[in-house]
N, C-alpha and C. Protein backbone atom coordinates (compact mmCIF):
# COMPACT_ATOMS: atom_id res chain seq x y z
N UNK A 1 91.03 113.40 64.72
CA UNK A 1 91.88 112.44 64.08
C UNK A 1 91.55 111.07 64.66
N UNK A 2 91.44 110.07 63.84
CA UNK A 2 91.07 108.74 64.28
C UNK A 2 92.32 107.87 64.39
N UNK A 3 92.56 107.32 65.59
CA UNK A 3 93.72 106.47 65.80
C UNK A 3 93.40 105.01 65.54
N UNK A 4 92.17 104.62 65.82
CA UNK A 4 91.72 103.25 65.57
C UNK A 4 90.21 103.26 65.45
N UNK A 5 89.64 102.10 65.14
CA UNK A 5 88.19 102.02 65.02
C UNK A 5 87.49 102.26 66.35
N UNK A 6 88.17 101.98 67.47
CA UNK A 6 87.54 102.12 68.77
C UNK A 6 87.87 103.44 69.47
N UNK A 7 88.95 104.06 69.13
CA UNK A 7 89.39 105.26 69.84
C UNK A 7 89.36 106.48 68.95
N UNK A 8 88.59 107.47 69.36
CA UNK A 8 88.55 108.75 68.68
C UNK A 8 89.22 109.74 69.62
N UNK A 9 90.26 110.41 69.11
CA UNK A 9 90.99 111.33 69.96
C UNK A 9 90.09 112.47 70.41
N UNK A 10 90.13 112.74 71.70
CA UNK A 10 89.35 113.83 72.27
C UNK A 10 90.08 114.41 73.46
N UNK A 11 89.55 115.45 74.03
CA UNK A 11 90.19 116.14 75.14
C UNK A 11 90.29 115.21 76.35
N UNK A 12 91.43 115.24 77.03
CA UNK A 12 91.63 114.42 78.21
C UNK A 12 90.90 115.05 79.39
N UNK A 13 90.15 114.25 80.13
CA UNK A 13 89.36 114.79 81.25
C UNK A 13 90.22 115.49 82.27
N UNK A 14 91.40 114.95 82.55
CA UNK A 14 92.24 115.55 83.58
C UNK A 14 92.80 116.92 83.17
N UNK A 15 92.68 117.28 81.92
CA UNK A 15 93.12 118.59 81.47
C UNK A 15 91.98 119.61 81.42
N UNK A 16 90.76 119.19 81.77
CA UNK A 16 89.60 120.06 81.77
C UNK A 16 89.32 120.46 83.22
N UNK A 17 89.34 121.75 83.51
CA UNK A 17 89.01 122.22 84.85
C UNK A 17 87.51 122.04 85.09
N UNK A 18 87.16 121.73 86.32
CA UNK A 18 85.76 121.46 86.64
C UNK A 18 84.81 122.59 86.26
N UNK A 19 85.27 123.84 86.33
CA UNK A 19 84.38 124.96 86.04
C UNK A 19 84.71 125.69 84.74
N UNK A 20 85.61 125.15 83.93
CA UNK A 20 86.00 125.82 82.69
C UNK A 20 85.42 125.18 81.43
N UNK A 21 84.69 124.12 81.56
CA UNK A 21 84.24 123.40 80.38
C UNK A 21 82.73 123.53 80.17
N UNK A 22 82.33 123.70 78.95
CA UNK A 22 80.90 123.72 78.64
C UNK A 22 80.28 122.35 78.90
N UNK A 23 81.08 121.32 78.80
CA UNK A 23 80.58 119.96 78.98
C UNK A 23 80.38 119.62 80.47
N UNK A 24 81.08 120.30 81.35
CA UNK A 24 80.99 120.04 82.79
C UNK A 24 80.71 121.33 83.57
N UNK A 25 79.57 121.97 83.34
CA UNK A 25 79.31 123.22 84.06
C UNK A 25 79.23 122.98 85.57
N UNK A 26 79.93 123.81 86.33
CA UNK A 26 80.05 123.65 87.78
C UNK A 26 78.70 123.63 88.49
N UNK A 27 77.75 124.41 88.04
CA UNK A 27 76.49 124.54 88.75
C UNK A 27 75.69 123.24 88.82
N UNK A 28 75.98 122.29 87.95
CA UNK A 28 75.19 121.06 87.93
C UNK A 28 75.76 119.95 88.82
N UNK A 29 76.96 120.12 89.35
CA UNK A 29 77.63 119.07 90.12
C UNK A 29 77.67 119.40 91.61
N UNK A 30 77.67 118.36 92.42
CA UNK A 30 77.90 118.54 93.85
C UNK A 30 79.37 118.84 94.07
N UNK A 31 79.73 119.30 95.27
CA UNK A 31 81.17 119.41 95.58
C UNK A 31 81.78 118.01 95.66
N UNK A 32 83.10 117.93 95.53
CA UNK A 32 83.80 116.65 95.68
C UNK A 32 83.74 116.22 97.13
N UNK A 33 83.49 114.91 97.36
CA UNK A 33 83.50 114.34 98.71
C UNK A 33 84.40 113.11 98.74
N UNK A 34 85.12 112.94 99.84
CA UNK A 34 85.98 111.77 99.99
C UNK A 34 85.11 110.55 100.26
N UNK A 35 85.34 109.45 99.53
CA UNK A 35 84.57 108.23 99.79
C UNK A 35 85.45 107.05 100.21
N UNK A 36 86.75 107.08 99.85
CA UNK A 36 87.66 106.00 100.25
C UNK A 36 89.02 106.62 100.57
N UNK A 37 89.61 106.20 101.69
CA UNK A 37 90.94 106.68 102.09
C UNK A 37 91.85 105.49 102.36
N UNK A 38 93.16 105.70 102.21
CA UNK A 38 94.10 104.62 102.53
C UNK A 38 94.46 104.57 104.03
N UNK A 39 94.03 105.56 104.81
CA UNK A 39 94.34 105.61 106.24
C UNK A 39 93.08 105.92 107.04
N UNK A 40 93.06 105.50 108.29
CA UNK A 40 91.89 105.70 109.15
C UNK A 40 91.70 107.17 109.51
N UNK A 41 90.45 107.56 109.69
CA UNK A 41 90.04 108.88 110.17
C UNK A 41 88.82 108.68 111.05
N UNK A 42 88.48 109.68 111.84
CA UNK A 42 87.28 109.60 112.68
C UNK A 42 86.05 109.38 111.82
N UNK A 43 85.23 108.43 112.21
CA UNK A 43 83.99 108.15 111.50
C UNK A 43 84.14 107.27 110.27
N UNK A 44 85.35 106.88 109.94
CA UNK A 44 85.60 106.04 108.77
C UNK A 44 85.71 104.59 109.19
N UNK A 45 85.14 103.68 108.42
CA UNK A 45 85.16 102.26 108.74
C UNK A 45 86.20 101.53 107.91
N UNK A 46 86.87 100.57 108.55
CA UNK A 46 87.86 99.74 107.88
C UNK A 46 87.14 98.73 107.01
N UNK A 47 87.58 98.57 105.77
CA UNK A 47 87.02 97.57 104.86
C UNK A 47 88.01 96.46 104.56
N UNK A 48 89.25 96.81 104.33
CA UNK A 48 90.32 95.86 104.06
C UNK A 48 91.63 96.63 104.19
N UNK A 49 92.76 95.96 104.00
CA UNK A 49 94.06 96.61 104.12
C UNK A 49 94.10 97.90 103.30
N UNK A 50 94.50 98.99 103.93
CA UNK A 50 94.60 100.30 103.29
C UNK A 50 93.29 100.76 102.65
N UNK A 51 92.15 100.40 103.23
CA UNK A 51 90.86 100.76 102.63
C UNK A 51 89.89 101.15 103.74
N UNK A 52 89.65 102.44 103.86
CA UNK A 52 88.71 102.96 104.84
C UNK A 52 87.64 103.74 104.11
N UNK A 53 86.39 103.62 104.56
CA UNK A 53 85.29 104.24 103.84
C UNK A 53 84.34 104.96 104.78
N UNK A 54 83.69 105.97 104.25
CA UNK A 54 82.66 106.71 104.97
C UNK A 54 81.58 107.06 103.96
N UNK A 55 80.52 106.30 103.97
CA UNK A 55 79.47 106.52 102.98
C UNK A 55 78.32 107.38 103.52
N UNK A 56 78.47 107.97 104.72
CA UNK A 56 77.39 108.77 105.31
C UNK A 56 76.97 109.92 104.40
N UNK A 57 77.93 110.61 103.79
CA UNK A 57 77.61 111.75 102.92
C UNK A 57 76.90 111.31 101.64
N UNK A 58 77.03 110.05 101.29
CA UNK A 58 76.40 109.56 100.06
C UNK A 58 74.89 109.41 100.20
N UNK A 59 74.37 109.39 101.43
CA UNK A 59 72.93 109.23 101.66
C UNK A 59 72.11 110.29 100.94
N UNK A 60 72.70 111.46 100.70
CA UNK A 60 71.98 112.53 100.01
C UNK A 60 71.54 112.12 98.60
N UNK A 61 72.15 111.06 98.05
CA UNK A 61 71.84 110.62 96.70
C UNK A 61 70.91 109.42 96.65
N UNK A 62 70.42 108.97 97.79
CA UNK A 62 69.59 107.77 97.84
C UNK A 62 68.36 107.92 96.94
N UNK A 63 68.21 106.99 96.00
CA UNK A 63 67.06 106.96 95.11
C UNK A 63 67.10 107.94 93.96
N UNK A 64 68.19 108.70 93.82
CA UNK A 64 68.29 109.70 92.75
C UNK A 64 69.11 109.16 91.59
N UNK A 65 68.63 109.36 90.37
CA UNK A 65 69.37 108.99 89.16
C UNK A 65 70.35 110.10 88.82
N UNK A 66 71.39 109.76 88.08
CA UNK A 66 72.32 110.78 87.66
C UNK A 66 73.63 110.21 87.16
N UNK A 67 74.62 111.09 87.06
CA UNK A 67 75.96 110.70 86.66
C UNK A 67 76.91 111.07 87.79
N UNK A 68 78.08 110.44 87.78
CA UNK A 68 79.06 110.71 88.83
C UNK A 68 80.46 110.60 88.23
N UNK A 69 81.39 111.25 88.91
CA UNK A 69 82.80 111.15 88.56
C UNK A 69 83.57 110.69 89.78
N UNK A 70 84.64 109.95 89.54
CA UNK A 70 85.58 109.57 90.59
C UNK A 70 86.90 110.27 90.29
N UNK A 71 87.58 110.71 91.35
CA UNK A 71 88.89 111.30 91.14
C UNK A 71 89.83 110.86 92.25
N UNK A 72 91.12 110.85 91.91
CA UNK A 72 92.18 110.53 92.85
C UNK A 72 92.76 111.82 93.39
N UNK A 73 93.12 111.79 94.66
CA UNK A 73 93.74 112.96 95.27
C UNK A 73 94.94 112.48 96.08
N UNK A 74 96.10 113.09 95.81
CA UNK A 74 97.32 112.71 96.52
C UNK A 74 98.28 113.89 96.53
N UNK A 75 98.72 114.25 97.72
CA UNK A 75 99.72 115.31 97.85
C UNK A 75 99.33 116.61 97.18
N UNK A 76 98.07 117.00 97.26
CA UNK A 76 97.64 118.25 96.66
C UNK A 76 97.32 118.17 95.18
N UNK A 77 97.59 117.03 94.55
CA UNK A 77 97.28 116.84 93.14
C UNK A 77 96.00 116.03 93.01
N UNK A 78 95.23 116.30 91.97
CA UNK A 78 94.01 115.54 91.70
C UNK A 78 94.01 115.08 90.25
N UNK A 79 93.29 113.99 90.01
CA UNK A 79 93.16 113.44 88.66
C UNK A 79 91.79 112.78 88.56
N UNK A 80 90.89 113.35 87.75
CA UNK A 80 89.57 112.75 87.54
C UNK A 80 89.77 111.55 86.63
N UNK A 81 89.30 110.36 87.08
CA UNK A 81 89.63 109.13 86.37
C UNK A 81 88.45 108.37 85.79
N UNK A 82 87.21 108.67 86.23
CA UNK A 82 86.09 107.83 85.80
C UNK A 82 84.79 108.61 85.80
N UNK A 83 83.92 108.30 84.84
CA UNK A 83 82.55 108.80 84.84
C UNK A 83 81.61 107.61 84.67
N UNK A 84 80.50 107.65 85.36
CA UNK A 84 79.50 106.59 85.25
C UNK A 84 78.11 107.18 85.43
N UNK A 85 77.10 106.39 85.09
CA UNK A 85 75.72 106.81 85.31
C UNK A 85 75.04 105.77 86.19
N UNK A 86 74.03 106.21 86.90
CA UNK A 86 73.35 105.30 87.82
C UNK A 86 71.85 105.29 87.56
N UNK A 87 71.34 104.09 87.39
CA UNK A 87 69.91 103.89 87.20
C UNK A 87 69.41 102.78 88.10
N UNK A 88 70.22 102.37 89.07
CA UNK A 88 69.84 101.31 89.99
C UNK A 88 68.69 101.76 90.88
N UNK A 89 68.07 100.80 91.54
CA UNK A 89 66.97 101.11 92.44
C UNK A 89 67.39 102.12 93.51
N UNK A 90 68.60 101.97 94.04
CA UNK A 90 69.10 102.90 95.06
C UNK A 90 69.73 104.15 94.49
N UNK A 91 69.77 104.27 93.17
CA UNK A 91 70.29 105.45 92.53
C UNK A 91 71.78 105.65 92.72
N UNK A 92 72.17 106.91 92.74
CA UNK A 92 73.58 107.27 92.88
C UNK A 92 74.15 106.73 94.19
N UNK A 93 73.34 106.72 95.23
CA UNK A 93 73.81 106.21 96.52
C UNK A 93 74.28 104.76 96.38
N UNK A 94 73.47 103.93 95.73
CA UNK A 94 73.82 102.51 95.57
C UNK A 94 75.11 102.34 94.76
N UNK A 95 75.22 103.09 93.67
CA UNK A 95 76.42 102.97 92.83
C UNK A 95 77.67 103.43 93.56
N UNK A 96 77.63 104.61 94.16
CA UNK A 96 78.81 105.14 94.85
C UNK A 96 79.15 104.32 96.09
N UNK A 97 78.14 103.78 96.77
CA UNK A 97 78.40 102.93 97.93
C UNK A 97 79.11 101.64 97.53
N UNK A 98 78.81 101.12 96.35
CA UNK A 98 79.51 99.92 95.88
C UNK A 98 80.99 100.19 95.72
N UNK A 99 81.34 101.34 95.15
CA UNK A 99 82.75 101.69 95.02
C UNK A 99 83.38 101.83 96.41
N UNK A 100 82.67 102.50 97.31
CA UNK A 100 83.21 102.77 98.65
C UNK A 100 83.40 101.51 99.47
N UNK A 101 82.54 100.52 99.30
CA UNK A 101 82.62 99.33 100.15
C UNK A 101 83.41 98.17 99.54
N UNK A 102 83.28 97.97 98.22
CA UNK A 102 83.99 96.82 97.64
C UNK A 102 84.68 97.10 96.31
N UNK A 103 84.63 98.35 95.86
CA UNK A 103 85.33 98.70 94.63
C UNK A 103 84.57 98.45 93.36
N UNK A 104 83.42 97.77 93.46
CA UNK A 104 82.62 97.45 92.29
C UNK A 104 83.52 96.83 91.21
N UNK A 105 83.33 97.18 89.94
CA UNK A 105 84.13 96.61 88.86
C UNK A 105 85.48 97.31 88.70
N UNK A 106 85.80 98.27 89.54
CA UNK A 106 87.08 98.98 89.49
C UNK A 106 87.95 98.66 90.70
N UNK A 107 87.70 97.53 91.34
CA UNK A 107 88.39 97.19 92.59
C UNK A 107 89.91 97.15 92.43
N UNK A 108 90.42 96.59 91.37
CA UNK A 108 91.87 96.52 91.19
C UNK A 108 92.49 97.90 91.02
N UNK A 109 91.81 98.76 90.30
CA UNK A 109 92.30 100.13 90.11
C UNK A 109 92.26 100.90 91.42
N UNK A 110 91.19 100.73 92.17
CA UNK A 110 91.07 101.42 93.46
C UNK A 110 92.14 100.92 94.42
N UNK A 111 92.36 99.62 94.48
CA UNK A 111 93.41 99.08 95.35
C UNK A 111 94.78 99.66 94.99
N UNK A 112 95.06 99.74 93.70
CA UNK A 112 96.35 100.26 93.26
C UNK A 112 96.50 101.74 93.66
N UNK A 113 95.45 102.52 93.48
CA UNK A 113 95.49 103.94 93.85
C UNK A 113 95.66 104.11 95.36
N UNK A 114 94.95 103.31 96.15
CA UNK A 114 95.07 103.38 97.61
C UNK A 114 96.46 102.96 98.07
N UNK A 115 97.01 101.94 97.44
CA UNK A 115 98.37 101.49 97.77
C UNK A 115 99.40 102.58 97.49
N UNK A 116 99.11 103.42 96.51
CA UNK A 116 100.00 104.53 96.18
C UNK A 116 99.75 105.74 97.09
N UNK A 117 98.79 105.62 98.03
CA UNK A 117 98.52 106.69 98.98
C UNK A 117 97.46 107.69 98.54
N UNK A 118 96.74 107.39 97.47
CA UNK A 118 95.71 108.31 96.98
C UNK A 118 94.39 108.11 97.72
N UNK A 119 93.63 109.17 97.84
CA UNK A 119 92.26 109.14 98.35
C UNK A 119 91.33 109.16 97.14
N UNK A 120 90.20 108.46 97.23
CA UNK A 120 89.21 108.46 96.15
C UNK A 120 88.09 109.41 96.53
N UNK A 121 87.79 110.34 95.64
CA UNK A 121 86.71 111.28 95.85
C UNK A 121 85.65 111.09 94.77
N UNK A 122 84.44 111.57 95.07
CA UNK A 122 83.35 111.47 94.10
C UNK A 122 82.55 112.76 94.11
N UNK A 123 81.90 113.01 92.99
CA UNK A 123 80.91 114.07 92.90
C UNK A 123 79.81 113.57 91.97
N UNK A 124 78.64 114.19 92.05
CA UNK A 124 77.51 113.70 91.27
C UNK A 124 76.68 114.84 90.70
N UNK A 125 75.93 114.50 89.70
CA UNK A 125 74.98 115.42 89.07
C UNK A 125 73.66 114.65 88.99
N UNK A 126 72.67 115.05 89.76
CA UNK A 126 71.39 114.35 89.73
C UNK A 126 70.60 114.78 88.50
N UNK A 127 69.92 113.81 87.91
CA UNK A 127 69.13 114.05 86.70
C UNK A 127 67.76 113.42 86.87
N UNK A 128 66.81 113.83 86.03
CA UNK A 128 65.41 113.46 86.26
C UNK A 128 65.10 111.97 86.13
N UNK A 129 65.79 111.26 85.24
CA UNK A 129 65.48 109.85 85.05
C UNK A 129 66.69 109.09 84.49
N UNK A 130 66.54 107.79 84.39
CA UNK A 130 67.61 106.90 83.95
C UNK A 130 68.06 107.22 82.52
N UNK A 131 67.12 107.43 81.63
CA UNK A 131 67.45 107.70 80.23
C UNK A 131 68.28 108.98 80.10
N UNK A 132 67.91 110.02 80.87
CA UNK A 132 68.65 111.28 80.84
C UNK A 132 70.05 111.08 81.38
N UNK A 133 70.17 110.29 82.46
CA UNK A 133 71.49 110.03 83.06
C UNK A 133 72.40 109.30 82.07
N UNK A 134 71.89 108.27 81.43
CA UNK A 134 72.69 107.52 80.46
C UNK A 134 73.07 108.39 79.26
N UNK A 135 72.13 109.19 78.78
CA UNK A 135 72.41 110.06 77.63
C UNK A 135 73.47 111.11 77.99
N UNK A 136 73.37 111.70 79.18
CA UNK A 136 74.33 112.72 79.60
C UNK A 136 75.72 112.10 79.77
N UNK A 137 75.78 110.91 80.37
CA UNK A 137 77.06 110.22 80.52
C UNK A 137 77.69 109.92 79.17
N UNK A 138 76.90 109.46 78.22
CA UNK A 138 77.40 109.17 76.87
C UNK A 138 77.85 110.43 76.16
N UNK A 139 77.13 111.53 76.35
CA UNK A 139 77.49 112.81 75.75
C UNK A 139 78.86 113.28 76.25
N UNK A 140 79.08 113.14 77.55
CA UNK A 140 80.37 113.56 78.12
C UNK A 140 81.49 112.64 77.65
N UNK A 141 81.23 111.32 77.63
CA UNK A 141 82.25 110.38 77.15
C UNK A 141 82.60 110.61 75.68
N UNK A 142 81.67 111.12 74.91
CA UNK A 142 81.95 111.40 73.50
C UNK A 142 82.89 112.59 73.34
N UNK A 143 82.98 113.43 74.38
CA UNK A 143 83.82 114.62 74.32
C UNK A 143 85.10 114.52 75.12
N UNK A 144 85.10 113.70 76.18
CA UNK A 144 86.24 113.62 77.09
C UNK A 144 86.74 112.19 77.26
N UNK A 145 88.04 112.04 77.42
CA UNK A 145 88.69 110.75 77.62
C UNK A 145 89.06 110.63 79.10
N UNK A 146 88.52 109.64 79.79
CA UNK A 146 88.78 109.39 81.20
C UNK A 146 89.74 108.21 81.34
N UNK A 147 90.67 108.28 82.28
CA UNK A 147 91.68 107.24 82.45
C UNK A 147 91.08 105.86 82.74
N UNK A 148 90.05 105.78 83.56
CA UNK A 148 89.51 104.47 83.95
C UNK A 148 88.34 104.00 83.10
N UNK A 149 87.79 104.82 82.24
CA UNK A 149 86.72 104.37 81.35
C UNK A 149 87.38 103.68 80.17
N UNK A 150 86.83 102.56 79.76
CA UNK A 150 87.40 101.81 78.64
C UNK A 150 86.77 102.16 77.31
N UNK A 151 85.48 102.41 77.31
CA UNK A 151 84.75 102.61 76.07
C UNK A 151 85.27 103.81 75.28
N UNK A 152 85.76 103.56 74.08
CA UNK A 152 86.20 104.58 73.13
C UNK A 152 87.34 105.46 73.63
N UNK A 153 88.05 105.04 74.66
CA UNK A 153 89.13 105.85 75.19
C UNK A 153 90.49 105.33 74.77
N UNK A 154 91.53 106.06 75.13
CA UNK A 154 92.88 105.68 74.70
C UNK A 154 93.29 104.34 75.30
N UNK A 155 94.34 103.77 74.78
CA UNK A 155 94.79 102.46 75.23
C UNK A 155 95.32 102.54 76.67
N UNK A 156 95.24 101.44 77.43
CA UNK A 156 95.76 101.44 78.80
C UNK A 156 97.21 101.88 78.91
N UNK A 157 98.06 101.48 77.96
CA UNK A 157 99.48 101.84 78.03
C UNK A 157 99.65 103.36 77.91
N UNK A 158 98.89 103.99 77.00
CA UNK A 158 98.97 105.44 76.87
C UNK A 158 98.43 106.12 78.13
N UNK A 159 97.36 105.57 78.68
CA UNK A 159 96.79 106.13 79.91
C UNK A 159 97.81 106.09 81.04
N UNK A 160 98.44 104.92 81.20
CA UNK A 160 99.39 104.74 82.30
C UNK A 160 100.58 105.67 82.16
N UNK A 161 101.12 105.79 80.96
CA UNK A 161 102.25 106.68 80.73
C UNK A 161 101.87 108.12 81.04
N UNK A 162 100.68 108.51 80.63
CA UNK A 162 100.21 109.87 80.89
C UNK A 162 100.05 110.11 82.39
N UNK A 163 99.40 109.18 83.07
CA UNK A 163 99.17 109.35 84.51
C UNK A 163 100.47 109.39 85.29
N UNK A 164 101.42 108.55 84.93
CA UNK A 164 102.71 108.53 85.61
C UNK A 164 103.45 109.84 85.37
N UNK A 165 103.41 110.33 84.15
CA UNK A 165 104.11 111.58 83.83
C UNK A 165 103.47 112.78 84.53
N UNK A 166 102.14 112.82 84.53
CA UNK A 166 101.44 113.98 85.09
C UNK A 166 101.33 113.95 86.60
N UNK A 167 101.10 112.79 87.16
CA UNK A 167 100.75 112.70 88.57
C UNK A 167 101.72 111.92 89.42
N UNK A 168 102.71 111.31 88.79
CA UNK A 168 103.70 110.57 89.54
C UNK A 168 103.14 109.35 90.24
N UNK A 169 102.00 108.85 89.77
CA UNK A 169 101.43 107.65 90.37
C UNK A 169 100.79 106.77 89.31
N UNK A 170 100.80 105.50 89.57
CA UNK A 170 100.20 104.52 88.69
C UNK A 170 98.71 104.48 88.99
N UNK A 171 97.88 104.70 87.98
CA UNK A 171 96.44 104.72 88.21
C UNK A 171 95.69 103.71 87.34
N UNK A 172 96.41 102.97 86.52
CA UNK A 172 95.74 102.00 85.68
C UNK A 172 96.41 100.65 85.89
N UNK A 173 95.71 99.58 85.60
CA UNK A 173 96.28 98.24 85.85
C UNK A 173 97.29 97.84 84.82
């Protein structure tokens, strides 16, 4: 059903289990790793108020192309909020490190999630080249609606109402 010219209704990503979907087969993804926390831990570096990061585990992705997901974790609940692809010179490592150190283009959303006490986690799927990564990311976005992705997804107000109802936290600006 079409709600507008930009939004085509599709399955919500947070309602798809990581290993239950044909679109997200478990065998192709790394395990989830914490990349940003609102509180200090051993080995984590302070970046700004309520922002601690540990990008050591991200080194495994240096120079590799692929797609990645970001998810929020708070009080035993999780919510996958974003998918992206990486074709930068540093590959997935460069992209995920940008989120971990300065928030990249999602800095306001990350700050809001951290202020609410959520931890940001990431996982990745390495792919052979940039074109494959972009195509796979587009294929997944055509099937799933992510809270933090803007392209062809539901309106911010609907996203926020859904996130508040399901997770008890504000995850959109």
